[in-house]
Amino acid sequence: MPFSLPIPAEANALLDRDPLALLIGMTLDQQIPLEKAFTSPWVLGQRLGHEPTAQELAEFDPGALVEIFATPPALHRFPKAMAARVQEVCRVLVDRYDGDPAALWAGAGSGAELFRRVQALPGFGRQKAQILVALLGKQYSVRPDGWREAAGGYGEEGSFRSVADIVDGESLGRVREYKKQMKAATKQG
């Protein structure tokens, strides 16, 4: 099933075919609407005039990358910090996976190993790592043994907790409702 968020078709197509775009979207998915986070890899490619590689972004002049991220409309509400974070993620991909983003998950022998690899990325704490493991399993058929357990509640079949569960407008609404309920519960508790 192709990745399908309520974003431009070109942005969804990029997320489907380019593992780096998916990782950039996940990296940016904090403190902004997920539509913005997952559209930004496509906008970045437009601004560069091509789809970047991890090697290219790892070696990019940091100041120039910040300018690209900050150009209105900015790719994130914190363009300087997130340009640096994307560059850090790309450097890890170059150093550990020969610049191949898909190698992050392709060689994982178990869900636990996949989780450890993802959590080792800059900015990927436990929750974000679990969400990416769930997203890879549910929408990209990356399913090493134990992937659902490694993804925690995000890996549950039929759950609507994160971007891993969004395939259309209805599922987006269900995920937003779940997040709203969790926020309310946190305030009460």
C-alpha atoms as a PDB file:
ATOM      1  CA  MET A   1       0.000   0.000   0.000  1.00  0.00           C
ATOM      2  CA  PRO A   2       1.547   3.328  -0.970  1.00  0.00           C
ATOM      3  CA  PHE A   3       2.103   5.932   1.689  1.00  0.00           C
ATOM      4  CA  SER A   4      -0.857   8.283   1.588  1.00  0.00           C
ATOM      5  CA  LEU A   5      -1.009  11.423   3.667  1.00  0.00           C
ATOM      6  CA  PRO A   6      -3.268  14.393   2.889  1.00  0.00           C
ATOM      7  CA  ILE A   7      -0.367  16.177   1.152  1.00  0.00           C
ATOM      8  CA  PRO A   8       0.426  16.827  -2.522  1.00  0.00           C
ATOM      9  CA  ALA A   9       0.574  13.634  -4.589  1.00  0.00           C
ATOM     10  CA  GLU A  10       4.169  14.419  -5.561  1.00  0.00           C
ATOM     11  CA  ALA A  11       5.183  14.549  -1.890  1.00  0.00           C
ATOM     12  CA  ASN A  12       3.514  11.182  -1.205  1.00  0.00           C
ATOM     13  CA  ALA A  13       5.194   9.690  -4.276  1.00  0.00           C
ATOM     14  CA  LEU A  14       8.577  10.907  -3.038  1.00  0.00           C
ATOM     15  CA  LEU A  15       7.983   9.331   0.386  1.00  0.00           C
ATOM     16  CA  ASP A  16       7.092   6.072  -1.375  1.00  0.00           C
ATOM     17  CA  ARG A  17      10.196   5.884  -3.547  1.00  0.00           C
ATOM     18  CA  ASP A  18      12.886   7.621  -1.491  1.00  0.00           C
ATOM     19  CA  PRO A  19      13.882   6.240   1.926  1.00  0.00           C
ATOM     20  CA  LEU A  20      15.838   9.446   2.654  1.00  0.00           C
ATOM     21  CA  ALA A  21      12.698  11.544   2.151  1.00  0.00           C
ATOM     22  CA  LEU A  22      10.885   9.292   4.631  1.00  0.00           C
ATOM     23  CA  LEU A  23      13.676   9.695   7.206  1.00  0.00           C
ATOM     24  CA  ILE A  24      13.772  13.463   6.708  1.00  0.00           C
ATOM     25  CA  GLY A  25      10.001  13.629   7.178  1.00  0.00           C
ATOM     26  CA  MET A  26      10.247  11.598  10.390  1.00  0.00           C
ATOM     27  CA  THR A  27      13.129  13.766  11.591  1.00  0.00           C
ATOM     28  CA  LEU A  28      11.073  16.917  11.038  1.00  0.00           C
ATOM     29  CA  ASP A  29       7.901  15.446  12.572  1.00  0.00           C
ATOM     30  CA  GLN A  30       7.969  17.306  15.865  1.00  0.00           C
ATOM     31  CA  GLN A  31       6.302  20.515  16.969  1.00  0.00           C
ATOM     32  CA  ILE A  32       4.736  21.036  13.542  1.00  0.00           C
ATOM     33  CA  PRO A  33       1.752  19.444  11.779  1.00  0.00           C
ATOM     34  CA  LEU A  34       2.688  16.110  10.245  1.00  0.00           C
ATOM     35  CA  GLU A  35       1.515  17.326   6.836  1.00  0.00           C
ATOM     36  CA  LYS A  36       4.203  20.019   6.983  1.00  0.00           C
ATOM     37  CA  ALA A  37       6.878  17.591   8.187  1.00  0.00           C
ATOM     38  CA  PHE A  38       6.227  15.057   5.447  1.00  0.00           C
ATOM     39  CA  THR A  39       5.826  17.639   2.674  1.00  0.00           C
ATOM     40  CA  SER A  40       9.136  19.314   3.543  1.00  0.00           C
ATOM     41  CA  PRO A  41      11.380  16.641   1.920  1.00  0.00           C
ATOM     42  CA  TRP A  42       9.615  17.308  -1.379  1.00  0.00           C
ATOM     43  CA  VAL A  43       9.955  21.094  -0.932  1.00  0.00           C
ATOM     44  CA  LEU A  44      13.642  20.622  -0.072  1.00  0.00           C
ATOM     45  CA  GLY A  45      14.134  18.766  -3.344  1.00  0.00           C
ATOM     46  CA  GLN A  46      12.368  21.531  -5.234  1.00  0.00           C
ATOM     47  CA  ARG A  47      14.596  24.156  -3.648  1.00  0.00           C
ATOM     48  CA  LEU A  48      17.735  22.166  -4.472  1.00  0.00           C
ATOM     49  CA  GLY A  49      16.532  21.405  -7.993  1.00  0.00           C
ATOM     50  CA  HIS A  50      16.908  17.633  -7.435  1.00  0.00           C
ATOM     51  CA  GLU A  51      16.304  14.927  -4.870  1.00  0.00           C
ATOM     52  CA  PRO A  52      19.289  15.057  -2.511  1.00  0.00           C
ATOM     53  CA  THR A  53      21.314  12.104  -1.316  1.00  0.00           C
ATOM     54  CA  ALA A  54      22.383  11.493   2.262  1.00  0.00           C
ATOM     55  CA  GLN A  55      25.994  12.067   1.176  1.00  0.00           C
ATOM     56  CA  GLU A  56      25.111  15.437  -0.339  1.00  0.00           C
ATOM     57  CA  LEU A  57      23.231  16.637   2.737  1.00  0.00           C
ATOM     58  CA  ALA A  58      25.918  15.316   5.089  1.00  0.00           C
ATOM     59  CA  GLU A  59      28.530  17.400   3.262  1.00  0.00           C
ATOM     60  CA  PHE A  60      26.325  20.454   2.621  1.00  0.00           C
ATOM     61  CA  ASP A  61      27.537  23.806   3.887  1.00  0.00           C
ATOM     62  CA  PRO A  62      25.640  24.123   7.209  1.00  0.00           C
ATOM     63  CA  GLY A  63      24.897  27.830   6.773  1.00  0.00           C
ATOM     64  CA  ALA A  64      23.593  27.312   3.245  1.00  0.00           C
ATOM     65  CA  LEU A  65      21.396  24.436   4.417  1.00  0.00           C
ATOM     66  CA  VAL A  66      19.926  26.638   7.141  1.00  0.00           C
ATOM     67  CA  GLU A  67      19.125  29.270   4.493  1.00  0.00           C
ATOM     68  CA  ILE A  68      17.332  26.660   2.393  1.00  0.00           C
ATOM     69  CA  PHE A  69      15.354  25.487   5.437  1.00  0.00           C
ATOM     70  CA  ALA A  70      14.544  29.061   6.505  1.00  0.00           C
ATOM     71  CA  THR A  71      13.428  30.379   3.108  1.00  0.00           C
ATOM     72  CA  PRO A  72       9.715  31.253   3.422  1.00  0.00           C
ATOM     73  CA  PRO A  73       7.752  29.193   3.890  1.00  0.00           C
ATOM     74  CA  ALA A  74      10.290  27.610   6.219  1.00  0.00           C
ATOM     75  CA  LEU A  75      10.564  23.828   6.147  1.00  0.00           C
ATOM     76  CA  HIS A  76      10.136  23.752   9.943  1.00  0.00           C
ATOM     77  CA  ARG A  77       9.293  26.251  12.653  1.00  0.00           C
ATOM     78  CA  PHE A  78      12.880  25.809  13.917  1.00  0.00           C
ATOM     79  CA  PRO A  79      14.777  25.850  10.621  1.00  0.00           C
ATOM     80  CA  LYS A  80      18.278  26.251  12.055  1.00  0.00           C
ATOM     81  CA  ALA A  81      17.964  23.420  14.556  1.00  0.00           C
ATOM     82  CA  MET A  82      16.187  21.090  12.149  1.00  0.00           C
ATOM     83  CA  ALA A  83      18.581  21.732   9.261  1.00  0.00           C
ATOM     84  CA  ALA A  84      21.363  20.713  11.642  1.00  0.00           C
ATOM     85  CA  ARG A  85      19.398  17.649  12.793  1.00  0.00           C
ATOM     86  CA  VAL A  86      18.740  16.496   9.219  1.00  0.00           C
ATOM     87  CA  GLN A  87      22.433  16.942   8.464  1.00  0.00           C
ATOM     88  CA  GLU A  88      23.365  14.921  11.579  1.00  0.00           C
ATOM     89  CA  VAL A  89      21.014  12.097  10.523  1.00  0.00           C
ATOM     90  CA  CYS A  90      22.555  12.110   7.049  1.00  0.00           C
ATOM     91  CA  ARG A  91      26.062  11.948   8.519  1.00  0.00           C
ATOM     92  CA  VAL A  92      25.085   8.853  10.498  1.00  0.00           C
ATOM     93  CA  LEU A  93      23.671   7.300   7.317  1.00  0.00           C
ATOM     94  CA  VAL A  94      26.943   8.007   5.512  1.00  0.00           C
ATOM     95  CA  ASP A  95      29.150   6.801   8.378  1.00  0.00           C
ATOM     96  CA  ARG A  96      27.236   3.625   9.275  1.00  0.00           C
ATOM     97  CA  TYR A  97      25.270   2.702   6.151  1.00  0.00           C
ATOM     98  CA  ASP A  98      27.414   3.936   3.237  1.00  0.00           C
ATOM     99  CA  GLY A  99      24.888   6.717   2.618  1.00  0.00           C
ATOM    100  CA  ASP A 100      22.069   4.247   1.891  1.00  0.00           C
ATOM    101  CA  PRO A 101      19.048   5.156   4.035  1.00  0.00           C
ATOM    102  CA  ALA A 102      17.303   1.847   3.280  1.00  0.00           C
ATOM    103  CA  ALA A 103      20.293  -0.027   4.730  1.00  0.00           C
ATOM    104  CA  LEU A 104      19.150   1.295   8.116  1.00  0.00           C
ATOM    105  CA  TRP A 105      16.351  -1.255   8.037  1.00  0.00           C
ATOM    106  CA  ALA A 106      17.298  -3.649   5.238  1.00  0.00           C
ATOM    107  CA  GLY A 107      19.811  -5.603   7.292  1.00  0.00           C
ATOM    108  CA  ALA A 108      17.988  -5.624  10.608  1.00  0.00           C
ATOM    109  CA  GLY A 109      17.679  -9.226  11.774  1.00  0.00           C
ATOM    110  CA  SER A 110      14.961  -8.537  14.349  1.00  0.00           C
ATOM    111  CA  GLY A 111      12.518  -5.888  15.433  1.00  0.00           C
ATOM    112  CA  ALA A 112      14.707  -5.170  18.447  1.00  0.00           C
ATOM    113  CA  GLU A 113      17.730  -4.600  16.211  1.00  0.00           C
ATOM    114  CA  LEU A 114      15.692  -2.357  13.915  1.00  0.00           C
ATOM    115  CA  PHE A 115      14.523  -0.351  16.920  1.00  0.00           C
ATOM    116  CA  ARG A 116      18.122   0.019  18.205  1.00  0.00           C
ATOM    117  CA  ARG A 117      19.320   1.189  14.791  1.00  0.00           C
ATOM    118  CA  VAL A 118      16.554   3.771  14.481  1.00  0.00           C
ATOM    119  CA  GLN A 119      16.948   4.973  18.055  1.00  0.00           C
ATOM    120  CA  ALA A 120      20.669   5.549  17.383  1.00  0.00           C
ATOM    121  CA  LEU A 121      19.749   8.306  14.892  1.00  0.00           C
ATOM    122  CA  PRO A 122      20.104  11.874  16.202  1.00  0.00           C
ATOM    123  CA  GLY A 123      16.773  13.099  17.566  1.00  0.00           C
ATOM    124  CA  PHE A 124      15.124   9.683  17.572  1.00  0.00           C
ATOM    125  CA  GLY A 125      14.101   8.938  21.131  1.00  0.00           C
ATOM    126  CA  ARG A 126      12.101   5.897  22.186  1.00  0.00           C
ATOM    127  CA  GLN A 127       8.710   7.121  20.966  1.00  0.00           C
ATOM    128  CA  LYS A 128       9.905   8.407  17.585  1.00  0.00           C
ATOM    129  CA  ALA A 129      11.902   5.213  17.022  1.00  0.00           C
ATOM    130  CA  GLN A 130       8.830   3.095  17.830  1.00  0.00           C
ATOM    131  CA  ILE A 131       6.716   5.154  15.436  1.00  0.00           C
ATOM    132  CA  LEU A 132       9.234   4.716  12.609  1.00  0.00           C
ATOM    133  CA  VAL A 133       9.443   0.959  13.247  1.00  0.00           C
ATOM    134  CA  ALA A 134       5.625   0.835  13.113  1.00  0.00           C
ATOM    135  CA  LEU A 135       5.544   2.958   9.953  1.00  0.00           C
ATOM    136  CA  LEU A 136       8.090   0.722   8.242  1.00  0.00           C
ATOM    137  CA  GLY A 137       6.176  -2.406   9.231  1.00  0.00           C
ATOM    138  CA  LYS A 138       2.669  -1.207   8.496  1.00  0.00           C
ATOM    139  CA  GLN A 139       3.216   0.789   5.319  1.00  0.00           C
ATOM    140  CA  TYR A 140       6.537  -0.367   3.840  1.00  0.00           C
ATOM    141  CA  SER A 141       6.431  -4.117   4.635  1.00  0.00           C
ATOM    142  CA  VAL A 142       9.676  -3.954   6.643  1.00  0.00           C
ATOM    143  CA  ARG A 143       8.798  -6.681   9.105  1.00  0.00           C
ATOM    144  CA  PRO A 144      11.693  -8.438  10.793  1.00  0.00           C
ATOM    145  CA  ASP A 145      10.643 -10.863  13.545  1.00  0.00           C
ATOM    146  CA  GLY A 146       9.386  -8.935  16.554  1.00  0.00           C
ATOM    147  CA  TRP A 147       8.799  -5.635  14.761  1.00  0.00           C
ATOM    148  CA  ARG A 148       5.354  -5.140  16.312  1.00  0.00           C
ATOM    149  CA  GLU A 149       6.740  -5.681  19.808  1.00  0.00           C
ATOM    150  CA  ALA A 150       9.640  -3.307  19.089  1.00  0.00           C
ATOM    151  CA  ALA A 151       7.129  -0.688  17.932  1.00  0.00           C
ATOM    152  CA  GLY A 152       5.196  -0.948  21.208  1.00  0.00           C
ATOM    153  CA  GLY A 153       1.594   0.252  21.045  1.00  0.00           C
ATOM    154  CA  TYR A 154       2.306   1.905  17.690  1.00  0.00           C
ATOM    155  CA  GLY A 155       2.746  -1.542  16.158  1.00  0.00           C
ATOM    156  CA  GLU A 156      -0.656  -2.853  17.207  1.00  0.00           C
ATOM    157  CA  GLU A 157      -2.828  -3.873  14.318  1.00  0.00           C
ATOM    158  CA  GLY A 158      -5.876  -1.647  13.949  1.00  0.00           C
ATOM    159  CA  SER A 159      -4.486   1.108  16.157  1.00  0.00           C
ATOM    160  CA  PHE A 160      -4.693   4.757  15.171  1.00  0.00           C
ATOM    161  CA  ARG A 161      -1.899   6.339  17.176  1.00  0.00           C
ATOM    162  CA  SER A 162       0.608   7.803  14.742  1.00  0.00           C
ATOM    163  CA  VAL A 163       1.614   8.560  11.173  1.00  0.00           C
ATOM    164  CA  ALA A 164       2.148   4.790  10.820  1.00  0.00           C
ATOM    165  CA  ASP A 165      -1.639   4.394  10.753  1.00  0.00           C
ATOM    166  CA  ILE A 166      -2.567   7.144   8.300  1.00  0.00           C
ATOM    167  CA  VAL A 167      -3.734   5.994   4.893  1.00  0.00           C
ATOM    168  CA  ASP A 168      -6.528   8.495   4.208  1.00  0.00           C
ATOM    169  CA  GLY A 169      -8.465  11.408   5.673  1.00  0.00           C
ATOM    170  CA  GLU A 170     -10.524   9.213   7.990  1.00  0.00           C
ATOM    171  CA  SER A 171      -7.485   7.542   9.540  1.00  0.00           C
ATOM    172  CA  LEU A 172      -5.820  10.957   9.927  1.00  0.00           C
ATOM    173  CA  GLY A 173      -8.877  12.106  11.888  1.00  0.00           C
ATOM    174  CA  ARG A 174      -8.717   9.013  14.104  1.00  0.00           C
ATOM    175  CA  VAL A 175      -5.001   9.580  14.820  1.00  0.00           C
ATOM    176  CA  ARG A 176      -5.659  13.241  15.649  1.00  0.00           C
ATOM    177  CA  GLU A 177      -8.483  12.230  18.007  1.00  0.00           C
ATOM    178  CA  TYR A 178      -6.197   9.727  19.759  1.00  0.00           C
ATOM    179  CA  LYS A 179      -3.496  12.385  20.204  1.00  0.00           C
ATOM    180  CA  LYS A 180      -6.087  14.825  21.541  1.00  0.00           C
ATOM    181  CA  GLN A 181      -7.252  12.250  24.091  1.00  0.00           C
ATOM    182  CA  MET A 182      -3.658  11.528  25.171  1.00  0.00           C
ATOM    183  CA  LYS A 183      -2.964  15.241  25.608  1.00  0.00           C
ATOM    184  CA  ALA A 184      -6.108  15.649  27.705  1.00  0.00           C
ATOM    185  CA  ALA A 185      -5.208  12.621  29.837  1.00  0.00           C
ATOM    186  CA  THR A 186      -1.718  14.026  30.415  1.00  0.00           C
ATOM    187  CA  LYS A 187      -3.184  17.341  31.582  1.00  0.00           C
ATOM    188  CA  GLN A 188      -5.547  15.562  34.000  1.00  0.00           C
ATOM    189  CA  GLY A 189      -2.936  13.165  35.364  1.00  0.00           C
END
